[in-house]
Amino acid sequence: MTPAEMAAIHAAAFTRQRPWAEVEFVSLLDDRTTRVIEVDGGFGLLLVVAPEAEIITLAVNPAMQRRGTGRRIVEAMMQEARDAGAATVYLEVAAGNLPARALYAATGFEETGRRLHYYRFPDGGSDDAIVMARAIDGPVP
């Protein structure tokens, strides 16, 4: 998947937050610690600096949502993190993004903190970031 394709999916999936531009994906992909997980209809970016990893974004084309695509991406990222020597995977998700929060909870992530007003929206609003983590200690659920 090209950076342009990633930017297009990200823009379609993130309608309230500022979507990432192609140049941002190019920069992330140039970083040797970034891993790309592609699944038909979506992708995830995982930053791995063992013994930790961070899901830095996960985006699914809206036409492919609610079909298990996000779960397949999370499962693949957990396996990639495990293979790279990570013991814990972290992420941040907007408090108002209830479908994403449900996905992460269903795949074993637990809330560990909150960053108030972390996400700023073009309309001047904001949302908290929920910090979540999951230890890698066995098979992916």
C-alpha atoms as a PDB file:
ATOM      1  CA  MET A   1       0.000   0.000   0.000  1.00  0.00           C
ATOM      2  CA  THR A   2       1.431   3.363  -0.946  1.00  0.00           C
ATOM      3  CA  PRO A   3       1.546   6.398   1.340  1.00  0.00           C
ATOM      4  CA  ALA A   4      -1.068   8.032  -0.912  1.00  0.00           C
ATOM      5  CA  GLU A   5      -3.402   5.045  -0.473  1.00  0.00           C
ATOM      6  CA  MET A   6      -2.842   5.134   3.291  1.00  0.00           C
ATOM      7  CA  ALA A   7      -3.644   8.846   3.388  1.00  0.00           C
ATOM      8  CA  ALA A   8      -6.850   8.272   1.405  1.00  0.00           C
ATOM      9  CA  ILE A   9      -8.044   5.493   3.734  1.00  0.00           C
ATOM     10  CA  HIS A  10      -7.052   7.539   6.783  1.00  0.00           C
ATOM     11  CA  ALA A  11      -9.012  10.548   5.486  1.00  0.00           C
ATOM     12  CA  ALA A  12     -12.088   8.402   4.848  1.00  0.00           C
ATOM     13  CA  ALA A  13     -11.874   6.761   8.282  1.00  0.00           C
ATOM     14  CA  PHE A  14     -11.041   9.841  10.366  1.00  0.00           C
ATOM     15  CA  THR A  15     -13.736  12.396   9.632  1.00  0.00           C
ATOM     16  CA  ARG A  16     -13.645  14.368  12.895  1.00  0.00           C
ATOM     17  CA  GLN A  17      -9.922  14.358  13.641  1.00  0.00           C
ATOM     18  CA  ARG A  18      -7.404  15.759  11.203  1.00  0.00           C
ATOM     19  CA  PRO A  19      -6.406  12.906   8.908  1.00  0.00           C
ATOM     20  CA  TRP A  20      -2.736  12.352   8.240  1.00  0.00           C
ATOM     21  CA  ALA A  21      -1.272  13.589   4.974  1.00  0.00           C
ATOM     22  CA  GLU A  22       0.692  11.498   2.501  1.00  0.00           C
ATOM     23  CA  VAL A  23       3.939  13.215   3.550  1.00  0.00           C
ATOM     24  CA  GLU A  24       3.367  12.103   7.152  1.00  0.00           C
ATOM     25  CA  PHE A  25       3.040   8.490   6.034  1.00  0.00           C
ATOM     26  CA  VAL A  26       6.197   8.820   3.928  1.00  0.00           C
ATOM     27  CA  SER A  27       8.071  10.057   7.004  1.00  0.00           C
ATOM     28  CA  LEU A  28       6.760   7.271   9.215  1.00  0.00           C
ATOM     29  CA  LEU A  29       7.578   4.604   6.647  1.00  0.00           C
ATOM     30  CA  ASP A  30      11.147   5.896   6.419  1.00  0.00           C
ATOM     31  CA  ASP A  31      11.609   5.172  10.144  1.00  0.00           C
ATOM     32  CA  ARG A  32      13.141   1.731  10.696  1.00  0.00           C
ATOM     33  CA  THR A  33      11.080   1.242  13.858  1.00  0.00           C
ATOM     34  CA  THR A  34       7.762   1.531  11.986  1.00  0.00           C
ATOM     35  CA  ARG A  35       6.037  -1.650  10.837  1.00  0.00           C
ATOM     36  CA  VAL A  36       3.130  -1.630   8.384  1.00  0.00           C
ATOM     37  CA  ILE A  37       0.354  -4.173   8.675  1.00  0.00           C
ATOM     38  CA  GLU A  38      -1.909  -4.325   5.639  1.00  0.00           C
ATOM     39  CA  VAL A  39      -5.219  -6.132   5.429  1.00  0.00           C
ATOM     40  CA  ASP A  40      -7.637  -5.800   2.542  1.00  0.00           C
ATOM     41  CA  GLY A  41      -9.477  -2.554   3.205  1.00  0.00           C
ATOM     42  CA  GLY A  42      -7.227  -1.208   5.933  1.00  0.00           C
ATOM     43  CA  PHE A  43      -3.843  -0.906   7.566  1.00  0.00           C
ATOM     44  CA  GLY A  44      -2.108  -0.294  10.836  1.00  0.00           C
ATOM     45  CA  LEU A  45       1.204   1.292  11.748  1.00  0.00           C
ATOM     46  CA  LEU A  46       3.122  -0.139  14.647  1.00  0.00           C
ATOM     47  CA  LEU A  47       6.176   1.479  16.206  1.00  0.00           C
ATOM     48  CA  VAL A  48       8.456  -1.123  17.809  1.00  0.00           C
ATOM     49  CA  VAL A  49      11.272  -0.321  20.207  1.00  0.00           C
ATOM     50  CA  ALA A  50      11.505  -3.530  22.211  1.00  0.00           C
ATOM     51  CA  PRO A  51      10.435  -4.276  24.839  1.00  0.00           C
ATOM     52  CA  GLU A  52       7.612  -1.897  23.925  1.00  0.00           C
ATOM     53  CA  ALA A  53       5.481  -1.278  20.872  1.00  0.00           C
ATOM     54  CA  GLU A  54       2.854   1.337  20.076  1.00  0.00           C
ATOM     55  CA  ILE A  55      -0.041   1.222  17.667  1.00  0.00           C
ATOM     56  CA  ILE A  56       0.307   4.658  16.133  1.00  0.00           C
ATOM     57  CA  THR A  57      -2.678   4.408  13.827  1.00  0.00           C
ATOM     58  CA  LEU A  58      -5.193   1.937  12.500  1.00  0.00           C
ATOM     59  CA  ALA A  59      -7.540   2.859   9.669  1.00  0.00           C
ATOM     60  CA  VAL A  60     -10.197   0.857   7.867  1.00  0.00           C
ATOM     61  CA  ASN A  61     -12.000   1.977   4.745  1.00  0.00           C
ATOM     62  CA  PRO A  62     -15.568   2.784   5.872  1.00  0.00           C
ATOM     63  CA  ALA A  63     -16.927   0.324   3.280  1.00  0.00           C
ATOM     64  CA  MET A  64     -14.982  -2.456   5.054  1.00  0.00           C
ATOM     65  CA  GLN A  65     -15.860  -1.516   8.639  1.00  0.00           C
ATOM     66  CA  ARG A  66     -17.854  -3.868  10.886  1.00  0.00           C
ATOM     67  CA  ARG A  67     -16.492  -6.906   8.990  1.00  0.00           C
ATOM     68  CA  GLY A  68     -13.625  -7.928  11.266  1.00  0.00           C
ATOM     69  CA  THR A  69     -10.996  -5.974   9.339  1.00  0.00           C
ATOM     70  CA  GLY A  70      -9.903  -3.924  12.357  1.00  0.00           C
ATOM     71  CA  ARG A  71      -9.624  -7.037  14.516  1.00  0.00           C
ATOM     72  CA  ARG A  72      -7.472  -8.782  11.891  1.00  0.00           C
ATOM     73  CA  ILE A  73      -5.181  -5.756  11.820  1.00  0.00           C
ATOM     74  CA  VAL A  74      -4.881  -5.691  15.629  1.00  0.00           C
ATOM     75  CA  GLU A  75      -4.157  -9.425  15.736  1.00  0.00           C
ATOM     76  CA  ALA A  76      -1.467  -9.059  13.055  1.00  0.00           C
ATOM     77  CA  MET A  77       0.088  -6.094  14.884  1.00  0.00           C
ATOM     78  CA  MET A  78       0.197  -8.091  18.129  1.00  0.00           C
ATOM     79  CA  GLN A  79       1.977 -10.935  16.352  1.00  0.00           C
ATOM     80  CA  GLU A  80       4.420  -8.498  14.718  1.00  0.00           C
ATOM     81  CA  ALA A  81       5.128  -6.893  18.099  1.00  0.00           C
ATOM     82  CA  ARG A  82       5.669 -10.315  19.678  1.00  0.00           C
ATOM     83  CA  ASP A  83       8.003 -11.377  16.850  1.00  0.00           C
ATOM     84  CA  ALA A  84       9.996  -8.139  17.272  1.00  0.00           C
ATOM     85  CA  GLY A  85      10.540  -8.786  20.991  1.00  0.00           C
ATOM     86  CA  ALA A  86       7.963  -6.443  22.490  1.00  0.00           C
ATOM     87  CA  ALA A  87       6.446  -7.359  25.847  1.00  0.00           C
ATOM     88  CA  THR A  88       3.795  -4.632  25.942  1.00  0.00           C
ATOM     89  CA  VAL A  89       1.811  -2.787  23.279  1.00  0.00           C
ATOM     90  CA  TYR A  90       0.399   0.696  23.930  1.00  0.00           C
ATOM     91  CA  LEU A  91      -2.001   2.928  22.046  1.00  0.00           C
ATOM     92  CA  GLU A  92      -4.004   6.121  22.358  1.00  0.00           C
ATOM     93  CA  VAL A  93      -7.584   6.396  21.161  1.00  0.00           C
ATOM     94  CA  ALA A  94     -10.033   9.284  21.224  1.00  0.00           C
ATOM     95  CA  ALA A  95     -12.483   8.936  24.106  1.00  0.00           C
ATOM     96  CA  GLY A  96     -15.352   9.598  21.706  1.00  0.00           C
ATOM     97  CA  ASN A  97     -14.280   6.881  19.270  1.00  0.00           C
ATOM     98  CA  LEU A  98     -16.482   4.206  20.810  1.00  0.00           C
ATOM     99  CA  PRO A  99     -16.117   1.617  18.003  1.00  0.00           C
ATOM    100  CA  ALA A 100     -12.308   1.744  18.250  1.00  0.00           C
ATOM    101  CA  ARG A 101     -12.400   1.589  22.041  1.00  0.00           C
ATOM    102  CA  ALA A 102     -14.663  -1.474  21.825  1.00  0.00           C
ATOM    103  CA  LEU A 103     -12.299  -3.121  19.336  1.00  0.00           C
ATOM    104  CA  TYR A 104      -9.284  -2.564  21.559  1.00  0.00           C
ATOM    105  CA  ALA A 105     -11.110  -3.767  24.676  1.00  0.00           C
ATOM    106  CA  ALA A 106     -12.275  -6.887  22.798  1.00  0.00           C
ATOM    107  CA  THR A 107      -8.667  -7.625  21.817  1.00  0.00           C
ATOM    108  CA  GLY A 108      -7.358  -7.440  25.382  1.00  0.00           C
ATOM    109  CA  PHE A 109      -6.335  -3.804  25.801  1.00  0.00           C
ATOM    110  CA  GLU A 110      -7.053  -2.086  29.091  1.00  0.00           C
ATOM    111  CA  GLU A 111      -7.273   1.608  29.896  1.00  0.00           C
ATOM    112  CA  THR A 112      -4.189   2.819  31.755  1.00  0.00           C
ATOM    113  CA  GLY A 113      -4.596   6.584  31.600  1.00  0.00           C
ATOM    114  CA  ARG A 114      -6.177   9.619  30.026  1.00  0.00           C
ATOM    115  CA  ARG A 115      -4.753  12.734  28.392  1.00  0.00           C
ATOM    116  CA  LEU A 116      -7.232  15.566  28.710  1.00  0.00           C
ATOM    117  CA  HIS A 117      -8.066  17.539  25.542  1.00  0.00           C
ATOM    118  CA  TYR A 118      -5.319  15.678  23.657  1.00  0.00           C
ATOM    119  CA  TYR A 119      -7.070  15.615  20.278  1.00  0.00           C
ATOM    120  CA  ARG A 120      -7.860  19.014  18.747  1.00  0.00           C
ATOM    121  CA  PHE A 121     -10.486  19.228  16.038  1.00  0.00           C
ATOM    122  CA  PRO A 122     -10.641  21.673  13.127  1.00  0.00           C
ATOM    123  CA  ASP A 123     -13.936  23.022  14.508  1.00  0.00           C
ATOM    124  CA  GLY A 124     -12.172  24.087  17.729  1.00  0.00           C
ATOM    125  CA  GLY A 125     -13.419  21.177  19.814  1.00  0.00           C
ATOM    126  CA  SER A 126     -11.280  18.593  21.534  1.00  0.00           C
ATOM    127  CA  ASP A 127     -11.411  15.081  22.928  1.00  0.00           C
ATOM    128  CA  ASP A 128      -9.446  13.215  25.535  1.00  0.00           C
ATOM    129  CA  ALA A 129      -7.018  10.465  24.588  1.00  0.00           C
ATOM    130  CA  ILE A 130      -7.547   7.158  26.340  1.00  0.00           C
ATOM    131  CA  VAL A 131      -4.203   5.438  26.873  1.00  0.00           C
ATOM    132  CA  MET A 132      -4.495   1.664  26.639  1.00  0.00           C
ATOM    133  CA  ALA A 133      -2.019  -1.168  27.014  1.00  0.00           C
ATOM    134  CA  ARG A 134      -1.829  -4.905  26.579  1.00  0.00           C
ATOM    135  CA  ALA A 135       0.881  -7.252  27.738  1.00  0.00           C
ATOM    136  CA  ILE A 136       2.012  -9.855  25.230  1.00  0.00           C
ATOM    137  CA  ASP A 137       1.778 -13.040  27.222  1.00  0.00           C
ATOM    138  CA  GLY A 138       0.382 -15.766  25.094  1.00  0.00           C
ATOM    139  CA  PRO A 139      -1.792 -16.153  22.036  1.00  0.00           C
ATOM    140  CA  VAL A 140      -3.629 -13.213  20.588  1.00  0.00           C
ATOM    141  CA  PRO A 141      -7.285 -13.465  21.719  1.00  0.00           C
END
